[in-house]
Amino acid sequence: MAGPMLVDAGMNLEDIAWLRGAGGMIVGLLAAILGTAAVRHYGNLRMLALSGVLLLIGFAGLGWWSLMPGPVWLLGLFQLLLMTATALSFIALYAAMMDWCRPGQIATDFALLQAVDSGIAILSGILAGQLAGRLGYASVFLLAAILLLLAAPMIRSRLQGQPPTPAKSTSFAENEP
């Protein structure tokens, strides 16, 4: 709902294209480079937690902005933060999914996990559209922030006792039988 929110906020299509196109590409590329190094150093779970915090800030910011609209540049800033956090979460999640794959059928397991992830994203998008249509953008973004807050204790318990570096490699070559 972040994209449609820009249109409804009165941003012209050229500015939206620059923000979500070029801006998204730049922050996505930077997040991919930094996120890959961070996953290698800190591990998948810690990077998932960090991306969750950034997503929480982005969702809360968009929810706040939709309740009390301010300058459009601030809306754009929250959008860029959300795109950055999403890119980081993809890197960490996909690295974690690689770790969950069984040796000898890594490609099959990863494809299945990624298909489930995509299905959840599609269903979430449909539900978010329905919710935004009925209750407005604030309901979607603030609900997302609340769900992330509710997940925090579970994430914290998973991180306790985790070593500061990844437990195992996500390299295909090292997982071959």
N, C-alpha and C. Protein backbone atom coordinates (compact mmCIF):
# COMPACT_ATOMS: atom_id res chain seq x y z
N MET A 1 0.80 -1.20 0.00
CA MET A 1 0.00 0.00 0.00
C MET A 1 0.85 1.27 0.00
N ALA A 2 2.15 1.10 0.11
CA ALA A 2 3.03 2.27 0.13
C ALA A 2 2.97 3.03 -1.19
N GLY A 3 2.94 2.33 -2.30
CA GLY A 3 2.88 2.98 -3.61
C GLY A 3 1.59 3.74 -3.83
N PRO A 4 0.43 3.10 -3.65
CA PRO A 4 -0.83 3.83 -3.83
C PRO A 4 -0.97 5.02 -2.88
N MET A 5 -0.36 4.91 -1.70
CA MET A 5 -0.42 6.01 -0.75
C MET A 5 0.23 7.28 -1.32
N LEU A 6 1.29 7.10 -2.10
CA LEU A 6 1.96 8.25 -2.72
C LEU A 6 1.04 8.96 -3.69
N VAL A 7 0.30 8.20 -4.47
CA VAL A 7 -0.64 8.79 -5.43
C VAL A 7 -1.71 9.56 -4.67
N ASP A 8 -2.28 8.91 -3.64
CA ASP A 8 -3.34 9.56 -2.88
C ASP A 8 -2.83 10.77 -2.08
N ALA A 9 -1.54 10.80 -1.80
CA ALA A 9 -0.96 11.94 -1.08
C ALA A 9 -0.73 13.13 -2.01
N GLY A 10 -0.95 12.92 -3.32
CA GLY A 10 -0.83 14.01 -4.27
C GLY A 10 0.52 14.10 -4.96
N MET A 11 1.38 13.10 -4.79
CA MET A 11 2.68 13.13 -5.45
C MET A 11 2.47 12.84 -6.94
N ASN A 12 3.17 13.59 -7.79
CA ASN A 12 2.99 13.36 -9.23
C ASN A 12 3.71 12.07 -9.64
N LEU A 13 3.28 11.52 -10.77
CA LEU A 13 3.79 10.22 -11.21
C LEU A 13 5.28 10.23 -11.51
N GLU A 14 5.81 11.33 -12.00
CA GLU A 14 7.24 11.40 -12.28
C GLU A 14 8.05 11.31 -10.99
N ASP A 15 7.61 12.02 -9.95
CA ASP A 15 8.30 11.95 -8.66
C ASP A 15 8.19 10.56 -8.04
N ILE A 16 7.04 9.92 -8.20
CA ILE A 16 6.86 8.56 -7.69
C ILE A 16 7.81 7.61 -8.41
N ALA A 17 7.93 7.79 -9.72
CA ALA A 17 8.83 6.93 -10.50
C ALA A 17 10.28 7.11 -10.04
N TRP A 18 10.69 8.35 -9.80
CA TRP A 18 12.05 8.58 -9.32
C TRP A 18 12.26 7.99 -7.93
N LEU A 19 11.29 8.21 -7.06
CA LEU A 19 11.41 7.72 -5.68
C LEU A 19 11.43 6.19 -5.64
N ARG A 20 10.42 5.58 -6.22
CA ARG A 20 10.30 4.12 -6.11
C ARG A 20 11.14 3.38 -7.13
N GLY A 21 11.47 4.03 -8.23
CA GLY A 21 12.31 3.39 -9.24
C GLY A 21 13.78 3.58 -8.94
N ALA A 22 14.28 4.78 -9.19
CA ALA A 22 15.71 5.05 -8.96
C ALA A 22 16.06 4.98 -7.48
N GLY A 23 15.23 5.59 -6.64
CA GLY A 23 15.49 5.55 -5.20
C GLY A 23 15.47 4.14 -4.66
N GLY A 24 14.47 3.36 -5.08
CA GLY A 24 14.38 1.97 -4.65
C GLY A 24 15.56 1.14 -5.13
N MET A 25 16.01 1.40 -6.36
CA MET A 25 17.15 0.67 -6.89
C MET A 25 18.42 0.99 -6.09
N ILE A 26 18.63 2.26 -5.79
CA ILE A 26 19.83 2.66 -5.08
C ILE A 26 19.85 2.09 -3.66
N VAL A 27 18.75 2.27 -2.92
CA VAL A 27 18.75 1.74 -1.54
C VAL A 27 18.75 0.22 -1.55
N GLY A 28 18.12 -0.39 -2.54
CA GLY A 28 18.14 -1.85 -2.65
C GLY A 28 19.53 -2.39 -2.92
N LEU A 29 20.25 -1.73 -3.80
CA LEU A 29 21.62 -2.14 -4.11
C LEU A 29 22.53 -1.97 -2.89
N LEU A 30 22.43 -0.82 -2.24
CA LEU A 30 23.24 -0.59 -1.04
C LEU A 30 22.88 -1.59 0.06
N ALA A 31 21.60 -1.86 0.24
CA ALA A 31 21.17 -2.82 1.24
C ALA A 31 21.67 -4.23 0.91
N ALA A 32 21.69 -4.56 -0.38
CA ALA A 32 22.18 -5.88 -0.79
C ALA A 32 23.67 -6.03 -0.46
N ILE A 33 24.44 -4.99 -0.74
CA ILE A 33 25.88 -5.06 -0.47
C ILE A 33 26.14 -5.10 1.03
N LEU A 34 25.57 -4.16 1.75
CA LEU A 34 25.79 -4.10 3.20
C LEU A 34 25.13 -5.28 3.92
N GLY A 35 23.93 -5.65 3.47
CA GLY A 35 23.21 -6.75 4.10
C GLY A 35 23.91 -8.08 3.94
N THR A 36 24.50 -8.32 2.79
CA THR A 36 25.23 -9.57 2.58
C THR A 36 26.41 -9.67 3.54
N ALA A 37 27.16 -8.59 3.65
CA ALA A 37 28.30 -8.58 4.58
C ALA A 37 27.82 -8.73 6.02
N ALA A 38 26.73 -8.07 6.36
CA ALA A 38 26.21 -8.13 7.73
C ALA A 38 25.68 -9.53 8.07
N VAL A 39 25.02 -10.19 7.12
CA VAL A 39 24.54 -11.56 7.37
C VAL A 39 25.73 -12.48 7.62
N ARG A 40 26.78 -12.32 6.83
CA ARG A 40 27.97 -13.15 7.02
C ARG A 40 28.60 -12.91 8.39
N HIS A 41 28.59 -11.67 8.85
CA HIS A 41 29.25 -11.34 10.11
C HIS A 41 28.34 -11.60 11.33
N TYR A 42 27.08 -11.19 11.26
CA TYR A 42 26.20 -11.26 12.42
C TYR A 42 25.23 -12.45 12.40
N GLY A 43 24.99 -13.02 11.24
CA GLY A 43 24.07 -14.14 11.14
C GLY A 43 22.69 -13.73 10.65
N ASN A 44 21.96 -14.73 10.19
CA ASN A 44 20.64 -14.53 9.60
C ASN A 44 19.63 -13.96 10.60
N LEU A 45 19.58 -14.57 11.79
CA LEU A 45 18.56 -14.16 12.76
C LEU A 45 18.76 -12.73 13.23
N ARG A 46 19.99 -12.34 13.48
CA ARG A 46 20.24 -10.96 13.92
C ARG A 46 19.88 -9.96 12.82
N MET A 47 20.16 -10.31 11.58
CA MET A 47 19.81 -9.41 10.48
C MET A 47 18.30 -9.39 10.24
N LEU A 48 17.64 -10.52 10.47
CA LEU A 48 16.17 -10.50 10.39
C LEU A 48 15.61 -9.60 11.48
N ALA A 49 16.19 -9.67 12.67
CA ALA A 49 15.73 -8.81 13.76
C ALA A 49 15.97 -7.34 13.43
N LEU A 50 17.14 -7.01 12.92
CA LEU A 50 17.43 -5.63 12.55
C LEU A 50 16.48 -5.14 11.46
N SER A 51 16.26 -5.95 10.45
CA SER A 51 15.34 -5.53 9.39
C SER A 51 13.93 -5.39 9.95
N GLY A 52 13.56 -6.21 10.94
CA GLY A 52 12.26 -6.07 11.58
C GLY A 52 12.11 -4.74 12.30
N VAL A 53 13.18 -4.31 12.97
CA VAL A 53 13.15 -3.00 13.64
C VAL A 53 13.00 -1.88 12.61
N LEU A 54 13.75 -1.97 11.51
CA LEU A 54 13.64 -0.94 10.46
C LEU A 54 12.26 -0.96 9.81
N LEU A 55 11.71 -2.15 9.60
CA LEU A 55 10.35 -2.24 9.06
C LEU A 55 9.35 -1.62 10.03
N LEU A 56 9.52 -1.89 11.31
CA LEU A 56 8.64 -1.32 12.33
C LEU A 56 8.67 0.20 12.27
N ILE A 57 9.86 0.78 12.19
CA ILE A 57 9.98 2.24 12.10
C ILE A 57 9.32 2.75 10.82
N GLY A 58 9.57 2.07 9.70
CA GLY A 58 8.97 2.48 8.43
C GLY A 58 7.45 2.40 8.45
N PHE A 59 6.91 1.29 8.94
CA PHE A 59 5.45 1.13 9.00
C PHE A 59 4.82 2.14 9.96
N ALA A 60 5.44 2.31 11.12
CA ALA A 60 4.91 3.28 12.09
C ALA A 60 4.97 4.69 11.50
N GLY A 61 6.06 5.00 10.80
CA GLY A 61 6.18 6.32 10.18
C GLY A 61 5.12 6.56 9.12
N LEU A 62 4.88 5.56 8.29
CA LEU A 62 3.84 5.72 7.26
C LEU A 62 2.45 5.81 7.89
N GLY A 63 2.23 5.02 8.95
CA GLY A 63 0.94 5.11 9.65
C GLY A 63 0.74 6.47 10.28
N TRP A 64 1.79 6.97 10.94
CA TRP A 64 1.73 8.31 11.56
C TRP A 64 1.50 9.37 10.49
N TRP A 65 2.25 9.28 9.36
CA TRP A 65 2.10 10.27 8.29
C TRP A 65 0.69 10.26 7.73
N SER A 66 0.10 9.08 7.59
CA SER A 66 -1.25 9.02 7.01
C SER A 66 -2.30 9.58 7.97
N LEU A 67 -2.01 9.54 9.28
CA LEU A 67 -2.94 10.14 10.25
C LEU A 67 -2.76 11.65 10.35
N MET A 68 -1.52 12.09 10.26
CA MET A 68 -1.19 13.51 10.37
C MET A 68 -0.24 13.89 9.24
N PRO A 69 -0.77 14.05 8.03
CA PRO A 69 0.11 14.32 6.88
C PRO A 69 1.00 15.53 7.10
N GLY A 70 2.24 15.34 6.72
CA GLY A 70 3.23 16.40 6.82
C GLY A 70 3.82 16.65 5.44
N PRO A 71 5.06 17.09 5.42
CA PRO A 71 5.69 17.33 4.12
C PRO A 71 5.85 16.03 3.33
N VAL A 72 5.73 16.14 2.03
CA VAL A 72 5.81 14.97 1.17
C VAL A 72 7.22 14.35 1.21
N TRP A 73 8.26 15.17 1.44
CA TRP A 73 9.61 14.63 1.52
C TRP A 73 9.73 13.65 2.68
N LEU A 74 8.97 13.88 3.78
CA LEU A 74 9.01 12.96 4.92
C LEU A 74 8.35 11.63 4.54
N LEU A 75 7.27 11.71 3.80
CA LEU A 75 6.63 10.50 3.29
C LEU A 75 7.61 9.73 2.41
N GLY A 76 8.34 10.44 1.55
CA GLY A 76 9.35 9.80 0.71
C GLY A 76 10.46 9.16 1.53
N LEU A 77 10.86 9.80 2.60
CA LEU A 77 11.89 9.25 3.48
C LEU A 77 11.43 7.94 4.13
N PHE A 78 10.19 7.93 4.61
CA PHE A 78 9.65 6.69 5.18
C PHE A 78 9.56 5.60 4.12
N GLN A 79 9.23 5.97 2.90
CA GLN A 79 9.17 5.01 1.80
C GLN A 79 10.54 4.40 1.54
N LEU A 80 11.59 5.25 1.49
CA LEU A 80 12.95 4.75 1.27
C LEU A 80 13.41 3.85 2.41
N LEU A 81 13.06 4.21 3.63
CA LEU A 81 13.40 3.36 4.78
C LEU A 81 12.72 2.00 4.66
N LEU A 82 11.46 2.00 4.27
CA LEU A 82 10.73 0.75 4.10
C LEU A 82 11.35 -0.11 2.99
N MET A 83 11.75 0.51 1.89
CA MET A 83 12.38 -0.24 0.80
C MET A 83 13.74 -0.81 1.24
N THR A 84 14.49 -0.03 2.02
CA THR A 84 15.77 -0.51 2.54
C THR A 84 15.57 -1.70 3.47
N ALA A 85 14.63 -1.55 4.38
CA ALA A 85 14.35 -2.63 5.34
C ALA A 85 13.85 -3.89 4.63
N THR A 86 13.04 -3.71 3.60
CA THR A 86 12.54 -4.86 2.84
C THR A 86 13.69 -5.58 2.14
N ALA A 87 14.60 -4.83 1.54
CA ALA A 87 15.75 -5.45 0.88
C ALA A 87 16.61 -6.21 1.89
N LEU A 88 16.86 -5.61 3.04
CA LEU A 88 17.64 -6.30 4.08
C LEU A 88 16.93 -7.56 4.55
N SER A 89 15.61 -7.48 4.70
CA SER A 89 14.87 -8.65 5.17
C SER A 89 14.92 -9.78 4.14
N PHE A 90 14.89 -9.45 2.85
CA PHE A 90 14.99 -10.48 1.81
C PHE A 90 16.34 -11.20 1.90
N ILE A 91 17.40 -10.44 2.06
CA ILE A 91 18.73 -11.03 2.13
C ILE A 91 18.82 -11.97 3.32
N ALA A 92 18.40 -11.50 4.48
CA ALA A 92 18.48 -12.32 5.69
C ALA A 92 17.55 -13.52 5.61
N LEU A 93 16.33 -13.32 5.13
CA LEU A 93 15.36 -14.42 5.05
C LEU A 93 15.82 -15.47 4.05
N TYR A 94 16.27 -15.04 2.89
CA TYR A 94 16.69 -16.02 1.89
C TYR A 94 17.95 -16.76 2.32
N ALA A 95 18.84 -16.09 3.03
CA ALA A 95 20.01 -16.79 3.58
C ALA A 95 19.56 -17.82 4.61
N ALA A 96 18.60 -17.45 5.44
CA ALA A 96 18.07 -18.40 6.43
C ALA A 96 17.39 -19.57 5.73
N MET A 97 16.63 -19.28 4.69
CA MET A 97 15.95 -20.36 3.97
C MET A 97 16.97 -21.32 3.35
N MET A 98 18.10 -20.80 2.88
CA MET A 98 19.15 -21.67 2.35
C MET A 98 19.66 -22.62 3.44
N ASP A 99 19.78 -22.09 4.65
CA ASP A 99 20.23 -22.93 5.77
C ASP A 99 19.22 -24.02 6.11
N TRP A 100 17.94 -23.77 5.86
CA TRP A 100 16.91 -24.73 6.19
C TRP A 100 16.80 -25.85 5.15
N CYS A 101 17.46 -25.69 4.02
CA CYS A 101 17.37 -26.68 2.93
C CYS A 101 18.21 -27.91 3.26
N ARG A 102 17.71 -29.05 2.84
CA ARG A 102 18.42 -30.30 3.06
C ARG A 102 19.47 -30.53 1.97
N PRO A 103 20.66 -30.97 2.37
CA PRO A 103 21.68 -31.30 1.37
C PRO A 103 21.13 -32.32 0.37
N GLY A 104 21.47 -32.14 -0.87
CA GLY A 104 21.00 -33.06 -1.90
C GLY A 104 19.74 -32.60 -2.59
N GLN A 105 19.01 -31.70 -1.99
CA GLN A 105 17.82 -31.14 -2.65
C GLN A 105 17.63 -29.68 -2.28
N ILE A 106 18.74 -28.97 -2.25
CA ILE A 106 18.73 -27.56 -1.89
C ILE A 106 17.83 -26.75 -2.81
N ALA A 107 17.94 -26.96 -4.11
CA ALA A 107 17.15 -26.17 -5.06
C ALA A 107 15.66 -26.41 -4.87
N THR A 108 15.26 -27.65 -4.67
CA THR A 108 13.84 -27.97 -4.47
C THR A 108 13.31 -27.37 -3.19
N ASP A 109 14.05 -27.54 -2.10
CA ASP A 109 13.61 -26.99 -0.82
C ASP A 109 13.53 -25.47 -0.87
N PHE A 110 14.55 -24.83 -1.45
CA PHE A 110 14.54 -23.37 -1.52
C PHE A 110 13.37 -22.89 -2.37
N ALA A 111 13.13 -23.54 -3.49
CA ALA A 111 12.01 -23.15 -4.36
C ALA A 111 10.68 -23.25 -3.62
N LEU A 112 10.51 -24.32 -2.84
CA LEU A 112 9.28 -24.49 -2.07
C LEU A 112 9.14 -23.40 -1.01
N LEU A 113 10.22 -23.12 -0.27
CA LEU A 113 10.19 -22.08 0.75
C LEU A 113 9.91 -20.71 0.13
N GLN A 114 10.53 -20.42 -1.01
CA GLN A 114 10.33 -19.14 -1.66
C GLN A 114 8.91 -19.02 -2.19
N ALA A 115 8.34 -20.12 -2.66
CA ALA A 115 6.95 -20.10 -3.15
C ALA A 115 5.98 -19.81 -1.99
N VAL A 116 6.24 -20.40 -0.84
CA VAL A 116 5.41 -20.13 0.33
C VAL A 116 5.54 -18.66 0.73
N ASP A 117 6.76 -18.14 0.73
CA ASP A 117 7.00 -16.73 1.03
C ASP A 117 6.23 -15.83 0.06
N SER A 118 6.29 -16.15 -1.22
CA SER A 118 5.57 -15.35 -2.23
C SER A 118 4.07 -15.43 -2.03
N GLY A 119 3.58 -16.61 -1.72
CA GLY A 119 2.14 -16.78 -1.47
C GLY A 119 1.67 -15.95 -0.28
N ILE A 120 2.45 -15.94 0.77
CA ILE A 120 2.12 -15.12 1.94
C ILE A 120 2.12 -13.65 1.57
N ALA A 121 3.10 -13.23 0.76
CA ALA A 121 3.16 -11.83 0.34
C ALA A 121 1.94 -11.45 -0.50
N ILE A 122 1.52 -12.33 -1.38
CA ILE A 122 0.34 -12.05 -2.22
C ILE A 122 -0.91 -11.94 -1.36
N LEU A 123 -1.11 -12.90 -0.46
CA LEU A 123 -2.28 -12.85 0.41
C LEU A 123 -2.26 -11.61 1.30
N SER A 124 -1.09 -11.29 1.82
CA SER A 124 -0.97 -10.09 2.66
C SER A 124 -1.30 -8.83 1.87
N GLY A 125 -0.85 -8.77 0.62
CA GLY A 125 -1.16 -7.62 -0.22
C GLY A 125 -2.64 -7.48 -0.49
N ILE A 126 -3.30 -8.59 -0.74
CA ILE A 126 -4.75 -8.56 -0.97
C ILE A 126 -5.47 -8.08 0.29
N LEU A 127 -5.08 -8.65 1.43
CA LEU A 127 -5.72 -8.24 2.69
C LEU A 127 -5.42 -6.78 3.02
N ALA A 128 -4.20 -6.33 2.75
CA ALA A 128 -3.84 -4.94 3.01
C ALA A 128 -4.67 -4.01 2.14
N GLY A 129 -4.87 -4.38 0.88
CA GLY A 129 -5.69 -3.56 0.00
C GLY A 129 -7.13 -3.46 0.48
N GLN A 130 -7.67 -4.59 0.93
CA GLN A 130 -9.03 -4.59 1.46
C GLN A 130 -9.14 -3.72 2.71
N LEU A 131 -8.18 -3.88 3.61
CA LEU A 131 -8.18 -3.11 4.85
C LEU A 131 -8.02 -1.62 4.58
N ALA A 132 -7.08 -1.28 3.70
CA ALA A 132 -6.86 0.14 3.36
C ALA A 132 -8.11 0.74 2.71
N GLY A 133 -8.77 -0.03 1.86
CA GLY A 133 -9.98 0.46 1.21
C GLY A 133 -11.11 0.73 2.19
N ARG A 134 -11.17 -0.06 3.26
CA ARG A 134 -12.24 0.11 4.24
C ARG A 134 -11.88 1.09 5.35
N LEU A 135 -10.63 1.02 5.83
CA LEU A 135 -10.26 1.79 7.02
C LEU A 135 -9.15 2.81 6.81
N GLY A 136 -8.56 2.83 5.63
CA GLY A 136 -7.50 3.79 5.34
C GLY A 136 -6.11 3.21 5.50
N TYR A 137 -5.14 3.97 5.01
CA TYR A 137 -3.75 3.51 5.04
C TYR A 137 -3.21 3.34 6.45
N ALA A 138 -3.60 4.22 7.35
CA ALA A 138 -3.08 4.15 8.72
C ALA A 138 -3.34 2.77 9.33
N SER A 139 -4.52 2.21 9.07
CA SER A 139 -4.85 0.90 9.65
C SER A 139 -3.89 -0.18 9.17
N VAL A 140 -3.51 -0.14 7.92
CA VAL A 140 -2.60 -1.14 7.35
C VAL A 140 -1.21 -1.01 7.96
N PHE A 141 -0.67 0.21 7.94
CA PHE A 141 0.70 0.40 8.40
C PHE A 141 0.82 0.24 9.91
N LEU A 142 -0.16 0.73 10.65
CA LEU A 142 -0.08 0.58 12.10
C LEU A 142 -0.31 -0.87 12.52
N LEU A 143 -1.17 -1.60 11.81
CA LEU A 143 -1.34 -3.03 12.10
C LEU A 143 -0.04 -3.78 11.83
N ALA A 144 0.64 -3.46 10.75
CA ALA A 144 1.92 -4.11 10.45
C ALA A 144 2.92 -3.83 11.57
N ALA A 145 2.97 -2.58 12.04
CA ALA A 145 3.88 -2.23 13.13
C ALA A 145 3.52 -2.99 14.41
N ILE A 146 2.23 -3.10 14.70
CA ILE A 146 1.79 -3.83 15.90
C ILE A 146 2.16 -5.31 15.80
N LEU A 147 1.97 -5.91 14.63
CA LEU A 147 2.33 -7.32 14.45
C LEU A 147 3.82 -7.54 14.66
N LEU A 148 4.65 -6.60 14.19
CA LEU A 148 6.09 -6.70 14.42
C LEU A 148 6.41 -6.58 15.91
N LEU A 149 5.73 -5.69 16.61
CA LEU A 149 5.93 -5.57 18.06
C LEU A 149 5.53 -6.85 18.78
N LEU A 150 4.43 -7.46 18.37
CA LEU A 150 3.99 -8.71 18.98
C LEU A 150 4.97 -9.85 18.72
N ALA A 151 5.68 -9.79 17.60
CA ALA A 151 6.66 -10.83 17.28
C ALA A 151 7.97 -10.63 18.03
N ALA A 152 8.20 -9.46 18.58
CA ALA A 152 9.48 -9.15 19.22
C ALA A 152 9.88 -10.13 20.32
N PRO A 153 8.99 -10.53 21.23
CA PRO A 153 9.40 -11.50 22.26
C PRO A 153 9.85 -12.84 21.68
N MET A 154 9.19 -13.30 20.64
CA MET A 154 9.58 -14.55 20.00
C MET A 154 10.96 -14.41 19.36
N ILE A 155 11.19 -13.30 18.71
CA ILE A 155 12.48 -13.06 18.07
C ILE A 155 13.57 -12.96 19.13
N ARG A 156 13.29 -12.26 20.21
CA ARG A 156 14.27 -12.12 21.29
C ARG A 156 14.63 -13.48 21.87
N SER A 157 13.64 -14.35 22.07
CA SER A 157 13.93 -15.68 22.63
C SER A 157 14.75 -16.52 21.66
N ARG A 158 14.53 -16.35 20.36
CA ARG A 158 15.32 -17.09 19.37
C ARG A 158 16.77 -16.60 19.33
N LEU A 159 16.97 -15.31 19.60
CA LEU A 159 18.31 -14.74 19.55
C LEU A 159 19.14 -15.05 20.80
N GLN A 160 18.48 -15.32 21.91
CA GLN A 160 19.22 -15.62 23.12
C GLN A 160 20.00 -16.91 22.94
N GLY A 161 21.26 -16.83 23.26
CA GLY A 161 22.12 -18.01 23.13
C GLY A 161 22.68 -18.22 21.74
N GLN A 162 22.32 -17.34 20.79
CA GLN A 162 22.85 -17.46 19.43
C GLN A 162 24.27 -16.90 19.40
N PRO A 163 25.18 -17.58 18.71
CA PRO A 163 26.51 -17.01 18.57
C PRO A 163 26.45 -15.74 17.72
N PRO A 164 27.42 -14.83 17.88
CA PRO A 164 27.38 -13.57 17.13
C PRO A 164 27.62 -13.74 15.64
N THR A 165 28.08 -14.89 15.20
CA THR A 165 28.30 -15.12 13.77
C THR A 165 27.40 -16.26 13.31
N PRO A 166 27.20 -16.39 12.01
CA PRO A 166 26.31 -17.43 11.49
C PRO A 166 26.74 -18.82 11.93
N ALA A 167 25.76 -19.67 12.19
CA ALA A 167 26.03 -21.03 12.64
C ALA A 167 26.59 -21.90 11.53
N LYS A 168 26.12 -21.67 10.31
CA LYS A 168 26.63 -22.47 9.19
C LYS A 168 26.63 -21.64 7.93
N SER A 169 27.34 -22.12 6.94
CA SER A 169 27.50 -21.40 5.69
C SER A 169 26.28 -21.56 4.82
N THR A 170 26.04 -20.57 3.96
CA THR A 170 24.96 -20.67 2.99
C THR A 170 25.51 -20.95 1.60
N SER A 171 26.73 -21.44 1.53
CA SER A 171 27.34 -21.73 0.24
C SER A 171 26.83 -23.05 -0.30
N PHE A 172 26.42 -23.07 -1.57
CA PHE A 172 25.95 -24.30 -2.18
C PHE A 172 27.05 -25.35 -2.19
N ALA A 173 28.26 -24.96 -2.51
CA ALA A 173 29.36 -25.92 -2.64
C ALA A 173 29.63 -26.64 -1.33
N GLU A 174 29.50 -25.94 -0.20
CA GLU A 174 29.78 -26.56 1.07
C GLU A 174 28.66 -27.48 1.53
N ASN A 175 27.48 -27.37 0.95
CA ASN A 175 26.34 -28.19 1.36
C ASN A 175 26.14 -29.41 0.47
N GLU A 176 26.98 -29.58 -0.54
CA GLU A 176 26.82 -30.73 -1.42
C GLU A 176 27.24 -32.00 -0.70
N PRO A 177 26.56 -33.12 -0.96
CA PRO A 177 26.89 -34.37 -0.30
C PRO A 177 28.24 -34.92 -0.74
